[in-house]
Full PDB file with SEQRES, HELIX, SHEET, SSBOND, CRYST1, ORIGX, SCALE, CONECT and MASTER records, all heavy atoms in Angstrom:
SEQRES   1 A   44  THR TRP GLY THR VAL CYS ASP ASP GLY TRP ASP ILE PRO          
SEQRES   2 A   44  ASP ALA ASP ILE VAL CYS ARG GLN LEU ARG CYS GLY HIS          
SEQRES   3 A   44  ALA VAL ARG ALA PRO GLY GLY ALA ALA PHE GLY ARG GLY          
SEQRES   4 A   44  HIS GLY PRO ILE LEU                                          
HELIX    1 AA1 ILE A   12  GLN A   21  1                                  10    
CRYST1    1.000    1.000    1.000  90.00  90.00  90.00 P 1           1          
ORIGX1      1.000000  0.000000  0.000000        0.00000                         
ORIGX2      0.000000  1.000000  0.000000        0.00000                         
ORIGX3      0.000000  0.000000  1.000000        0.00000                         
SCALE1      1.000000  0.000000  0.000000        0.00000                         
SCALE2      0.000000  1.000000  0.000000        0.00000                         
SCALE3      0.000000  0.000000  1.000000        0.00000                         
ATOM      1  N   THR A   1     124.492 102.138 101.102  1.00  0.00           N  
ATOM      2  CA  THR A   1     124.371 103.572 101.375  1.00  0.00           C  
ATOM      3  C   THR A   1     123.013 103.864 102.018  1.00  0.00           C  
ATOM      4  O   THR A   1     121.992 103.368 101.551  1.00  0.00           O  
ATOM      5  CB  THR A   1     124.479 104.361 100.062  1.00  0.00           C  
ATOM      6  OG1 THR A   1     125.710 104.019  99.421  1.00  0.00           O  
ATOM      7  CG2 THR A   1     124.455 105.850 100.329  1.00  0.00           C  
ATOM      8  N   TRP A   2     123.033 104.667 103.077  1.00  0.00           N  
ATOM      9  CA  TRP A   2     121.758 105.056 103.729  1.00  0.00           C  
ATOM     10  C   TRP A   2     121.233 106.282 103.039  1.00  0.00           C  
ATOM     11  O   TRP A   2     121.964 107.229 102.731  1.00  0.00           O  
ATOM     12  CB  TRP A   2     122.014 105.327 105.189  1.00  0.00           C  
ATOM     13  CG  TRP A   2     122.216 104.098 105.991  1.00  0.00           C  
ATOM     14  CD1 TRP A   2     123.417 103.504 106.323  1.00  0.00           C  
ATOM     15  CD2 TRP A   2     121.208 103.260 106.576  1.00  0.00           C  
ATOM     16  NE1 TRP A   2     123.179 102.360 107.059  1.00  0.00           N  
ATOM     17  CE2 TRP A   2     121.873 102.195 107.227  1.00  0.00           C  
ATOM     18  CE3 TRP A   2     119.811 103.333 106.618  1.00  0.00           C  
ATOM     19  CZ2 TRP A   2     121.160 101.203 107.907  1.00  0.00           C  
ATOM     20  CZ3 TRP A   2     119.108 102.359 107.287  1.00  0.00           C  
ATOM     21  CH2 TRP A   2     119.772 101.289 107.942  1.00  0.00           C  
ATOM     22  N   GLY A   3     119.925 106.290 102.803  1.00  0.00           N  
ATOM     23  CA  GLY A   3     119.262 107.444 102.205  1.00  0.00           C  
ATOM     24  C   GLY A   3     117.904 107.676 102.859  1.00  0.00           C  
ATOM     25  O   GLY A   3     117.529 106.962 103.808  1.00  0.00           O  
ATOM     26  N   THR A   4     117.184 108.663 102.350  1.00  0.00           N  
ATOM     27  CA  THR A   4     115.923 109.073 102.983  1.00  0.00           C  
ATOM     28  C   THR A   4     114.742 108.876 102.020  1.00  0.00           C  
ATOM     29  O   THR A   4     114.901 108.430 100.887  1.00  0.00           O  
ATOM     30  CB  THR A   4     116.011 110.547 103.409  1.00  0.00           C  
ATOM     31  OG1 THR A   4     116.153 111.365 102.251  1.00  0.00           O  
ATOM     32  CG2 THR A   4     117.154 110.775 104.371  1.00  0.00           C  
ATOM     33  N   VAL A   5     113.559 109.217 102.518  1.00  0.00           N  
ATOM     34  CA  VAL A   5     112.302 109.096 101.764  1.00  0.00           C  
ATOM     35  C   VAL A   5     111.687 110.502 101.651  1.00  0.00           C  
ATOM     36  O   VAL A   5     111.652 111.246 102.618  1.00  0.00           O  
ATOM     37  CB  VAL A   5     111.323 108.156 102.520  1.00  0.00           C  
ATOM     38  CG1 VAL A   5     109.973 108.120 101.798  1.00  0.00           C  
ATOM     39  CG2 VAL A   5     111.922 106.751 102.617  1.00  0.00           C  
ATOM     40  N   CYS A   6     111.209 110.838 100.456  1.00  0.00           N  
ATOM     41  CA  CYS A   6     110.584 112.153 100.249  1.00  0.00           C  
ATOM     42  C   CYS A   6     109.170 112.138 100.791  1.00  0.00           C  
ATOM     43  O   CYS A   6     108.468 111.116 100.747  1.00  0.00           O  
ATOM     44  CB  CYS A   6     110.570 112.481  98.760  1.00  0.00           C  
ATOM     45  SG  CYS A   6     109.922 114.112  98.413  1.00  0.00           S  
ATOM     46  N   ASP A   7     108.712 113.298 101.317  1.00  0.00           N  
ATOM     47  CA  ASP A   7     107.372 113.359 101.960  1.00  0.00           C  
ATOM     48  C   ASP A   7     106.220 113.551 100.988  1.00  0.00           C  
ATOM     49  O   ASP A   7     105.079 113.630 101.405  1.00  0.00           O  
ATOM     50  CB  ASP A   7     107.362 114.432 103.056  1.00  0.00           C  
ATOM     51  CG  ASP A   7     107.522 115.844 102.477  1.00  0.00           C  
ATOM     52  OD1 ASP A   7     107.476 116.017 101.249  1.00  0.00           O  
ATOM     53  OD2 ASP A   7     107.656 116.779 103.295  1.00  0.00           O  
ATOM     54  N   ASP A   8     106.481 113.605  99.672  1.00  0.00           N  
ATOM     55  CA  ASP A   8     105.375 113.699  98.697  1.00  0.00           C  
ATOM     56  C   ASP A   8     104.481 112.479  98.813  1.00  0.00           C  
ATOM     57  O   ASP A   8     104.952 111.347  98.630  1.00  0.00           O  
ATOM     58  CB  ASP A   8     105.893 113.786  97.257  1.00  0.00           C  
ATOM     59  CG  ASP A   8     106.664 115.077  96.991  1.00  0.00           C  
ATOM     60  OD1 ASP A   8     106.517 116.015  97.806  1.00  0.00           O  
ATOM     61  OD2 ASP A   8     107.393 115.127  95.998  1.00  0.00           O  
ATOM     62  N   GLY A   9     103.228 112.669  99.175  1.00  0.00           N  
ATOM     63  CA  GLY A   9     102.312 111.532  99.298  1.00  0.00           C  
ATOM     64  C   GLY A   9     102.494 110.715 100.537  1.00  0.00           C  
ATOM     65  O   GLY A   9     101.852 109.666 100.734  1.00  0.00           O  
ATOM     66  N   TRP A  10     103.385 111.137 101.456  1.00  0.00           N  
ATOM     67  CA  TRP A  10     103.676 110.352 102.672  1.00  0.00           C  
ATOM     68  C   TRP A  10     102.526 110.513 103.659  1.00  0.00           C  
ATOM     69  O   TRP A  10     102.138 111.622 103.990  1.00  0.00           O  
ATOM     70  CB  TRP A  10     104.982 110.869 103.292  1.00  0.00           C  
ATOM     71  CG  TRP A  10     105.441 110.104 104.498  1.00  0.00           C  
ATOM     72  CD1 TRP A  10     105.398 110.508 105.785  1.00  0.00           C  
ATOM     73  CD2 TRP A  10     106.007 108.800 104.521  1.00  0.00           C  
ATOM     74  NE1 TRP A  10     105.910 109.540 106.625  1.00  0.00           N  
ATOM     75  CE2 TRP A  10     106.301 108.484 105.854  1.00  0.00           C  
ATOM     76  CE3 TRP A  10     106.320 107.868 103.507  1.00  0.00           C  
ATOM     77  CZ2 TRP A  10     106.886 107.266 106.231  1.00  0.00           C  
ATOM     78  CZ3 TRP A  10     106.913 106.667 103.889  1.00  0.00           C  
ATOM     79  CH2 TRP A  10     107.169 106.367 105.220  1.00  0.00           C  
ATOM     80  N   ASP A  11     101.976 109.398 104.132  1.00  0.00           N  
ATOM     81  CA  ASP A  11     100.830 109.485 105.046  1.00  0.00           C  
ATOM     82  C   ASP A  11     100.852 108.305 106.016  1.00  0.00           C  
ATOM     83  O   ASP A  11     101.766 107.505 106.018  1.00  0.00           O  
ATOM     84  CB  ASP A  11      99.532 109.557 104.242  1.00  0.00           C  
ATOM     85  CG  ASP A  11      99.336 108.379 103.300  1.00  0.00           C  
ATOM     86  OD1 ASP A  11     100.079 107.380 103.408  1.00  0.00           O  
ATOM     87  OD2 ASP A  11      98.476 108.475 102.402  1.00  0.00           O  
ATOM     88  N   ILE A  12      99.796 108.260 106.858  1.00  0.00           N  
ATOM     89  CA  ILE A  12      99.739 107.240 107.911  1.00  0.00           C  
ATOM     90  C   ILE A  12      99.865 105.789 107.396  1.00  0.00           C  
ATOM     91  O   ILE A  12     100.615 105.000 107.946  1.00  0.00           O  
ATOM     92  CB  ILE A  12      98.458 107.409 108.779  1.00  0.00           C  
ATOM     93  CG1 ILE A  12      98.569 108.671 109.640  1.00  0.00           C  
ATOM     94  CG2 ILE A  12      98.201 106.170 109.644  1.00  0.00           C  
ATOM     95  CD1 ILE A  12      99.475 108.547 110.861  1.00  0.00           C  
ATOM     96  N   PRO A  13      99.179 105.399 106.282  1.00  0.00           N  
ATOM     97  CA  PRO A  13      99.372 104.013 105.794  1.00  0.00           C  
ATOM     98  C   PRO A  13     100.834 103.680 105.463  1.00  0.00           C  
ATOM     99  O   PRO A  13     101.285 102.537 105.693  1.00  0.00           O  
ATOM    100  CB  PRO A  13      98.474 103.950 104.559  1.00  0.00           C  
ATOM    101  CG  PRO A  13      97.428 104.985 104.799  1.00  0.00           C  
ATOM    102  CD  PRO A  13      98.123 106.089 105.537  1.00  0.00           C  
ATOM    103  N   ASP A  14     101.563 104.665 104.951  1.00  0.00           N  
ATOM    104  CA  ASP A  14     102.992 104.434 104.659  1.00  0.00           C  
ATOM    105  C   ASP A  14     103.781 104.295 105.973  1.00  0.00           C  
ATOM    106  O   ASP A  14     104.610 103.391 106.120  1.00  0.00           O  
ATOM    107  CB  ASP A  14     103.575 105.596 103.835  1.00  0.00           C  
ATOM    108  CG  ASP A  14     102.756 105.863 102.564  1.00  0.00           C  
ATOM    109  OD1 ASP A  14     102.272 104.892 101.966  1.00  0.00           O  
ATOM    110  OD2 ASP A  14     102.614 107.039 102.175  1.00  0.00           O  
ATOM    111  N   ALA A  15     103.519 105.218 106.875  1.00  0.00           N  
ATOM    112  CA  ALA A  15     104.214 105.198 108.167  1.00  0.00           C  
ATOM    113  C   ALA A  15     103.907 103.914 108.948  1.00  0.00           C  
ATOM    114  O   ALA A  15     104.780 103.399 109.662  1.00  0.00           O  
ATOM    115  CB  ALA A  15     103.856 106.426 108.990  1.00  0.00           C  
ATOM    116  N   ASP A  16     102.680 103.418 108.802  1.00  0.00           N  
ATOM    117  CA  ASP A  16     102.262 102.170 109.472  1.00  0.00           C  
ATOM    118  C   ASP A  16     103.193 100.997 109.097  1.00  0.00           C  
ATOM    119  O   ASP A  16     103.553 100.190 109.944  1.00  0.00           O  
ATOM    120  CB  ASP A  16     100.841 101.791 109.063  1.00  0.00           C  
ATOM    121  CG  ASP A  16      99.866 102.008 110.189  1.00  0.00           C  
ATOM    122  OD1 ASP A  16     100.295 102.032 111.385  1.00  0.00           O  
ATOM    123  OD2 ASP A  16      98.680 102.119 109.913  1.00  0.00           O  
ATOM    124  N   ILE A  17     103.538 100.899 107.801  1.00  0.00           N  
ATOM    125  CA  ILE A  17     104.415  99.814 107.350  1.00  0.00           C  
ATOM    126  C   ILE A  17     105.781  99.926 108.010  1.00  0.00           C  
ATOM    127  O   ILE A  17     106.356  98.930 108.458  1.00  0.00           O  
ATOM    128  CB  ILE A  17     104.546  99.859 105.797  1.00  0.00           C  
ATOM    129  CG1 ILE A  17     103.188  99.718 105.116  1.00  0.00           C  
ATOM    130  CG2 ILE A  17     105.535  98.773 105.336  1.00  0.00           C  
ATOM    131  CD1 ILE A  17     102.454  98.414 105.351  1.00  0.00           C  
ATOM    132  N   VAL A  18     106.289 101.166 108.146  1.00  0.00           N  
ATOM    133  CA  VAL A  18     107.570 101.396 108.815  1.00  0.00           C  
ATOM    134  C   VAL A  18     107.517 100.934 110.287  1.00  0.00           C  
ATOM    135  O   VAL A  18     108.369 100.204 110.773  1.00  0.00           O  
ATOM    136  CB  VAL A  18     107.978 102.871 108.727  1.00  0.00           C  
ATOM    137  CG1 VAL A  18     109.203 103.163 109.591  1.00  0.00           C  
ATOM    138  CG2 VAL A  18     108.243 103.271 107.291  1.00  0.00           C  
ATOM    139  N   CYS A  19     106.448 101.369 110.984  1.00  0.00           N  
ATOM    140  CA  CYS A  19     106.300 100.992 112.406  1.00  0.00           C  
ATOM    141  C   CYS A  19     106.184  99.481 112.568  1.00  0.00           C  
ATOM    142  O   CYS A  19     106.826  98.916 113.456  1.00  0.00           O  
ATOM    143  CB  CYS A  19     105.101 101.698 113.007  1.00  0.00           C  
ATOM    144  SG  CYS A  19     105.248 103.498 113.115  1.00  0.00           S  
ATOM    145  N   ARG A  20     105.413  98.830 111.749  1.00  0.00           N  
ATOM    146  CA  ARG A  20     105.263  97.412 111.823  1.00  0.00           C  
ATOM    147  C   ARG A  20     106.585  96.690 111.544  1.00  0.00           C  
ATOM    148  O   ARG A  20     106.951  95.746 112.246  1.00  0.00           O  
ATOM    149  CB  ARG A  20     104.215  96.916 110.808  1.00  0.00           C  
ATOM    150  CG  ARG A  20     102.783  97.153 111.231  1.00  0.00           C  
ATOM    151  CD  ARG A  20     101.890  95.986 110.831  1.00  0.00           C  
ATOM    152  NE  ARG A  20     101.986  95.602 109.443  1.00  0.00           N  
ATOM    153  CZ  ARG A  20     101.146  96.006 108.498  1.00  0.00           C  
ATOM    154  NH1 ARG A  20     100.153  96.830 108.780  1.00  0.00           N  
ATOM    155  NH2 ARG A  20     101.287  95.569 107.241  1.00  0.00           N  
ATOM    156  N   GLN A  21     107.297  97.156 110.525  1.00  0.00           N  
ATOM    157  CA  GLN A  21     108.552  96.531 110.154  1.00  0.00           C  
ATOM    158  C   GLN A  21     109.575  96.617 111.290  1.00  0.00           C  
ATOM    159  O   GLN A  21     110.376  95.707 111.526  1.00  0.00           O  
ATOM    160  CB  GLN A  21     109.100  97.192 108.878  1.00  0.00           C  
ATOM    161  CG  GLN A  21     110.272  96.438 108.279  1.00  0.00           C  
ATOM    162  CD  GLN A  21     110.760  97.142 106.989  1.00  0.00           C  
ATOM    163  OE1 GLN A  21     109.988  97.836 106.309  1.00  0.00           O  
ATOM    164  NE2 GLN A  21     112.019  96.928 106.652  1.00  0.00           N  
ATOM    165  N   LEU A  22     109.563  97.736 112.042  1.00  0.00           N  
ATOM    166  CA  LEU A  22     110.502  97.948 113.145  1.00  0.00           C  
ATOM    167  C   LEU A  22     109.984  97.407 114.459  1.00  0.00           C  
ATOM    168  O   LEU A  22     110.600  97.595 115.494  1.00  0.00           O  
ATOM    169  CB  LEU A  22     110.798  99.439 113.289  1.00  0.00           C  
ATOM    170  CG  LEU A  22     111.603 100.067 112.117  1.00  0.00           C  
ATOM    171  CD1 LEU A  22     111.664 101.585 112.284  1.00  0.00           C  
ATOM    172  CD2 LEU A  22     113.002  99.485 112.031  1.00  0.00           C  
ATOM    173  N   ARG A  23     108.792  96.769 114.419  1.00  0.00           N  
ATOM    174  CA  ARG A  23     108.131  96.243 115.654  1.00  0.00           C  
ATOM    175  C   ARG A  23     107.916  97.388 116.661  1.00  0.00           C  
ATOM    176  O   ARG A  23     108.192  97.245 117.839  1.00  0.00           O  
ATOM    177  CB  ARG A  23     108.957  95.129 116.270  1.00  0.00           C  
ATOM    178  CG  ARG A  23     109.059  93.929 115.349  1.00  0.00           C  
ATOM    179  CD  ARG A  23     109.589  92.700 116.015  1.00  0.00           C  
ATOM    180  NE  ARG A  23     109.589  91.576 115.078  1.00  0.00           N  
ATOM    181  CZ  ARG A  23     110.572  90.746 114.946  1.00  0.00           C  
ATOM    182  NH1 ARG A  23     111.690  90.899 115.662  1.00  0.00           N  
ATOM    183  NH2 ARG A  23     110.506  89.725 114.107  1.00  0.00           N  
ATOM    184  N   CYS A  24     107.407  98.480 116.145  1.00  0.00           N  
ATOM    185  CA  CYS A  24     107.138  99.670 116.973  1.00  0.00           C  
ATOM    186  C   CYS A  24     105.651  99.964 117.076  1.00  0.00           C  
ATOM    187  O   CYS A  24     105.242 101.090 117.317  1.00  0.00           O  
ATOM    188  CB  CYS A  24     107.885 100.874 116.395  1.00  0.00           C  
ATOM    189  SG  CYS A  24     109.651 100.874 116.751  1.00  0.00           S  
ATOM    190  N   GLY A  25     104.822  98.938 116.824  1.00  0.00           N  
ATOM    191  CA  GLY A  25     103.376  99.156 116.895  1.00  0.00           C  
ATOM    192  C   GLY A  25     102.838  99.737 115.606  1.00  0.00           C  
ATOM    193  O   GLY A  25     103.220  99.307 114.534  1.00  0.00           O  
ATOM    194  N   HIS A  26     101.943 100.720 115.729  1.00  0.00           N  
ATOM    195  CA  HIS A  26     101.365 101.355 114.565  1.00  0.00           C  
ATOM    196  C   HIS A  26     101.730 102.827 114.544  1.00  0.00           C  
ATOM    197  O   HIS A  26     102.225 103.371 115.504  1.00  0.00           O  
ATOM    198  CB  HIS A  26      99.834 101.202 114.562  1.00  0.00           C  
ATOM    199  CG  HIS A  26      99.181 101.788 115.756  1.00  0.00           C  
ATOM    200  ND1 HIS A  26      98.976 101.115 116.946  1.00  0.00           N  
ATOM    201  CD2 HIS A  26      98.726 103.069 115.992  1.00  0.00           C  
ATOM    202  CE1 HIS A  26      98.428 101.900 117.831  1.00  0.00           C  
ATOM    203  NE2 HIS A  26      98.243 103.095 117.299  1.00  0.00           N  
ATOM    204  N   ALA A  27     101.489 103.471 113.411  1.00  0.00           N  
ATOM    205  CA  ALA A  27     101.860 104.888 113.266  1.00  0.00           C  
ATOM    206  C   ALA A  27     100.845 105.778 113.960  1.00  0.00           C  
ATOM    207  O   ALA A  27      99.642 105.622 113.813  1.00  0.00           O  
ATOM    208  CB  ALA A  27     101.920 105.245 111.789  1.00  0.00           C  
ATOM    209  N   VAL A  28     101.358 106.746 114.741  1.00  0.00           N  
ATOM    210  CA  VAL A  28     100.511 107.748 115.382  1.00  0.00           C  
ATOM    211  C   VAL A  28     100.555 109.034 114.540  1.00  0.00           C  
ATOM    212  O   VAL A  28      99.541 109.725 114.402  1.00  0.00           O  
ATOM    213  CB  VAL A  28     101.026 108.030 116.790  1.00  0.00           C  
ATOM    214  CG1 VAL A  28     100.051 108.922 117.562  1.00  0.00           C  
ATOM    215  CG2 VAL A  28     101.281 106.768 117.571  1.00  0.00           C  
ATOM    216  N   ARG A  29     101.700 109.368 114.015  1.00  0.00           N  
ATOM    217  CA  ARG A  29     101.855 110.553 113.144  1.00  0.00           C  
ATOM    218  C   ARG A  29     102.803 110.220 112.005  1.00  0.00           C  
ATOM    219  O   ARG A  29     103.648 109.317 112.113  1.00  0.00           O  
ATOM    220  CB  ARG A  29     102.455 111.724 113.970  1.00  0.00           C  
ATOM    221  CG  ARG A  29     101.572 112.220 115.060  1.00  0.00           C  
ATOM    222  CD  ARG A  29     101.757 113.709 115.352  1.00  0.00           C  
ATOM    223  NE  ARG A  29     103.163 114.137 115.439  1.00  0.00           N  
ATOM    224  CZ  ARG A  29     103.877 114.076 116.554  1.00  0.00           C  
ATOM    225  NH1 ARG A  29     103.387 113.569 117.660  1.00  0.00           N  
ATOM    226  NH2 ARG A  29     105.144 114.511 116.524  1.00  0.00           N  
ATOM    227  N   ALA A  30     102.658 110.957 110.903  1.00  0.00           N  
ATOM    228  CA  ALA A  30     103.525 110.776 109.736  1.00  0.00           C  
ATOM    229  C   ALA A  30     104.031 112.160 109.274  1.00  0.00           C  
ATOM    230  O   ALA A  30     103.634 112.642 108.227  1.00  0.00           O  
ATOM    231  CB  ALA A  30     102.762 110.086 108.630  1.00  0.00           C  
ATOM    232  N   PRO A  31     104.892 112.808 110.115  1.00  0.00           N  
ATOM    233  CA  PRO A  31     105.297 114.175 109.759  1.00  0.00           C  
ATOM    234  C   PRO A  31     106.247 114.210 108.551  1.00  0.00           C  
ATOM    235  O   PRO A  31     107.098 113.316 108.383  1.00  0.00           O  
ATOM    236  CB  PRO A  31     106.014 114.651 111.034  1.00  0.00           C  
ATOM    237  CG  PRO A  31     106.464 113.393 111.692  1.00  0.00           C  
ATOM    238  CD  PRO A  31     105.472 112.335 111.354  1.00  0.00           C  
ATOM    239  N   GLY A  32     106.089 115.229 107.753  1.00  0.00           N  
ATOM    240  CA  GLY A  32     107.031 115.463 106.642  1.00  0.00           C  
ATOM    241  C   GLY A  32     107.849 116.694 106.942  1.00  0.00           C  
ATOM    242  O   GLY A  32     107.996 117.076 108.105  1.00  0.00           O  
ATOM    243  N   GLY A  33     108.405 117.322 105.888  1.00  0.00           N  
ATOM    244  CA  GLY A  33     109.120 118.576 106.083  1.00  0.00           C  
ATOM    245  C   GLY A  33     110.349 118.493 106.979  1.00  0.00           C  
ATOM    246  O   GLY A  33     110.670 119.427 107.670  1.00  0.00           O  
ATOM    247  N   ALA A  34     111.015 117.332 106.969  1.00  0.00           N  
ATOM    248  CA  ALA A  34     112.235 117.142 107.759  1.00  0.00           C  
ATOM    249  C   ALA A  34     112.004 117.480 109.216  1.00  0.00           C  
ATOM    250  O   ALA A  34     112.804 118.173 109.839  1.00  0.00           O  
ATOM    251  CB  ALA A  34     113.394 117.925 107.179  1.00  0.00           C  
ATOM    252  N   ALA A  35     110.881 117.008 109.761  1.00  0.00           N  
ATOM    253  CA  ALA A  35     110.548 117.304 111.165  1.00  0.00           C  
ATOM    254  C   ALA A  35     111.617 116.801 112.148  1.00  0.00           C  
ATOM    255  O   ALA A  35     111.768 117.329 113.247  1.00  0.00           O  
ATOM    256  CB  ALA A  35     109.195 116.644 111.506  1.00  0.00           C  
ATOM    257  N   PHE A  36     112.402 115.777 111.752  1.00  0.00           N  
ATOM    258  CA  PHE A  36     113.452 115.258 112.623  1.00  0.00           C  
ATOM    259  C   PHE A  36     114.827 115.619 112.086  1.00  0.00           C  
ATOM    260  O   PHE A  36     115.800 114.908 112.323  1.00  0.00           O  
ATOM    261  CB  PHE A  36     113.313 113.718 112.758  1.00  0.00           C  
ATOM    262  CG  PHE A  36     112.020 113.318 113.425  1.00  0.00           C  
ATOM    263  CD1 PHE A  36     110.942 112.857 112.692  1.00  0.00           C  
ATOM    264  CD2 PHE A  36     111.864 113.437 114.807  1.00  0.00           C  
ATOM    265  CE1 PHE A  36     109.740 112.512 113.311  1.00  0.00           C  
ATOM    266  CE2 PHE A  36     110.702 113.114 115.427  1.00  0.00           C  
ATOM    267  CZ  PHE A  36     109.622 112.636 114.674  1.00  0.00           C  
ATOM    268  N   GLY A  37     114.900 116.732 111.362  1.00  0.00           N  
ATOM    269  CA  GLY A  37     116.183 117.156 110.819  1.00  0.00           C  
ATOM    270  C   GLY A  37     116.381 116.644 109.389  1.00  0.00           C  
ATOM    271  O   GLY A  37     115.723 115.683 108.969  1.00  0.00           O  
ATOM    272  N   ARG A  38     117.244 117.266 108.667  1.00  0.00           N  
ATOM    273  CA  ARG A  38     117.509 116.859 107.289  1.00  0.00           C  
ATOM    274  C   ARG A  38     118.509 115.717 107.281  1.00  0.00           C  
ATOM    275  O   ARG A  38     119.529 115.745 107.939  1.00  0.00           O  
ATOM    276  CB  ARG A  38     118.085 118.026 106.500  1.00  0.00           C  
ATOM    277  CG  ARG A  38     117.099 119.171 106.371  1.00  0.00           C  
ATOM    278  CD  ARG A  38     117.662 120.318 105.511  1.00  0.00           C  
ATOM    279  NE  ARG A  38     116.741 121.427 105.506  1.00  0.00           N  
ATOM    280  CZ  ARG A  38     116.789 122.431 104.627  1.00  0.00           C  
ATOM    281  NH1 ARG A  38     117.717 122.418 103.682  1.00  0.00           N  
ATOM    282  NH2 ARG A  38     115.929 123.407 104.687  1.00  0.00           N  
ATOM    283  N   GLY A  39     118.220 114.722 106.435  1.00  0.00           N  
ATOM    284  CA  GLY A  39     119.118 113.583 106.303  1.00  0.00           C  
ATOM    285  C   GLY A  39     120.224 113.891 105.294  1.00  0.00           C  
ATOM    286  O   GLY A  39     120.385 115.009 104.829  1.00  0.00           O  
ATOM    287  N   HIS A  40     121.025 112.854 105.027  1.00  0.00           N  
ATOM    288  CA  HIS A  40     122.120 112.980 104.074  1.00  0.00           C  
ATOM    289  C   HIS A  40     121.994 111.817 103.071  1.00  0.00           C  
ATOM    290  O   HIS A  40     121.216 110.906 103.261  1.00  0.00           O  
ATOM    291  CB  HIS A  40     123.467 112.889 104.801  1.00  0.00           C  
ATOM    292  CG  HIS A  40     123.616 113.901 105.885  1.00  0.00           C  
ATOM    293  ND1 HIS A  40     123.918 115.216 105.617  1.00  0.00           N  
ATOM    294  CD2 HIS A  40     123.463 113.796 107.221  1.00  0.00           C  
ATOM    295  CE1 HIS A  40     123.943 115.890 106.783  1.00  0.00           C  
ATOM    296  NE2 HIS A  40     123.646 115.052 107.760  1.00  0.00           N  
ATOM    297  N   GLY A  41     122.811 111.893 102.020  1.00  0.00           N  
ATOM    298  CA  GLY A  41     122.818 110.795 101.088  1.00  0.00           C  
ATOM    299  C   GLY A  41     121.668 110.912 100.095  1.00  0.00           C  
ATOM    300  O   GLY A  41     120.967 111.893 100.026  1.00  0.00           O  
ATOM    301  N   PRO A  42     121.460 109.841  99.333  1.00  0.00           N  
ATOM    302  CA  PRO A  42     120.448 109.866  98.266  1.00  0.00           C  
ATOM    303  C   PRO A  42     119.018 109.856  98.839  1.00  0.00           C  
ATOM    304  O   PRO A  42     118.787 109.408  99.950  1.00  0.00           O  
ATOM    305  CB  PRO A  42     120.717 108.586  97.481  1.00  0.00           C  
ATOM    306  CG  PRO A  42     121.375 107.670  98.469  1.00  0.00           C  
ATOM    307  CD  PRO A  42     122.168 108.538  99.382  1.00  0.00           C  
ATOM    308  N   ILE A  43     118.069 110.378  98.074  1.00  0.00           N  
ATOM    309  CA  ILE A  43     116.654 110.268  98.379  1.00  0.00           C  
ATOM    310  C   ILE A  43     116.146 109.036  97.627  1.00  0.00           C  
ATOM    311  O   ILE A  43     116.129 109.022  96.379  1.00  0.00           O  
ATOM    312  CB  ILE A  43     115.898 111.525  98.024  1.00  0.00           C  
ATOM    313  CG1 ILE A  43     116.365 112.667  98.953  1.00  0.00           C  
ATOM    314  CG2 ILE A  43     114.373 111.324  98.161  1.00  0.00           C  
ATOM    315  CD1 ILE A  43     116.012 114.047  98.513  1.00  0.00           C  
ATOM    316  N   LEU A  44     115.837 107.964  98.334  1.00  0.00           N  
ATOM    317  CA  LEU A  44     115.641 106.647  97.723  1.00  0.00           C  
ATOM    318  C   LEU A  44     114.206 106.333  97.331  1.00  0.00           C  
ATOM    319  O   LEU A  44     113.971 105.407  96.574  1.00  0.00           O  
ATOM    320  CB  LEU A  44     116.171 105.565  98.652  1.00  0.00           C  
ATOM    321  CG  LEU A  44     117.688 105.624  98.964  1.00  0.00           C  
ATOM    322  CD1 LEU A  44     118.049 104.606 100.020  1.00  0.00           C  
ATOM    323  CD2 LEU A  44     118.476 105.363  97.696  1.00  0.00           C  
TER     324      LEU A  44                                                      
MASTER        0    0    0    1    0    0    0    6  323    1    0    4          
END                                                                             
């Protein structure tokens, strides 16, 4: 099941791990507040 991540405490060091894991370089921004729309499913 696909789920999302809550933005409490979400910052550039967290986003950096995501970018590195996806081979997308490093994090430039770490927006919260469903900046890319609201997801579905569980908050993991």
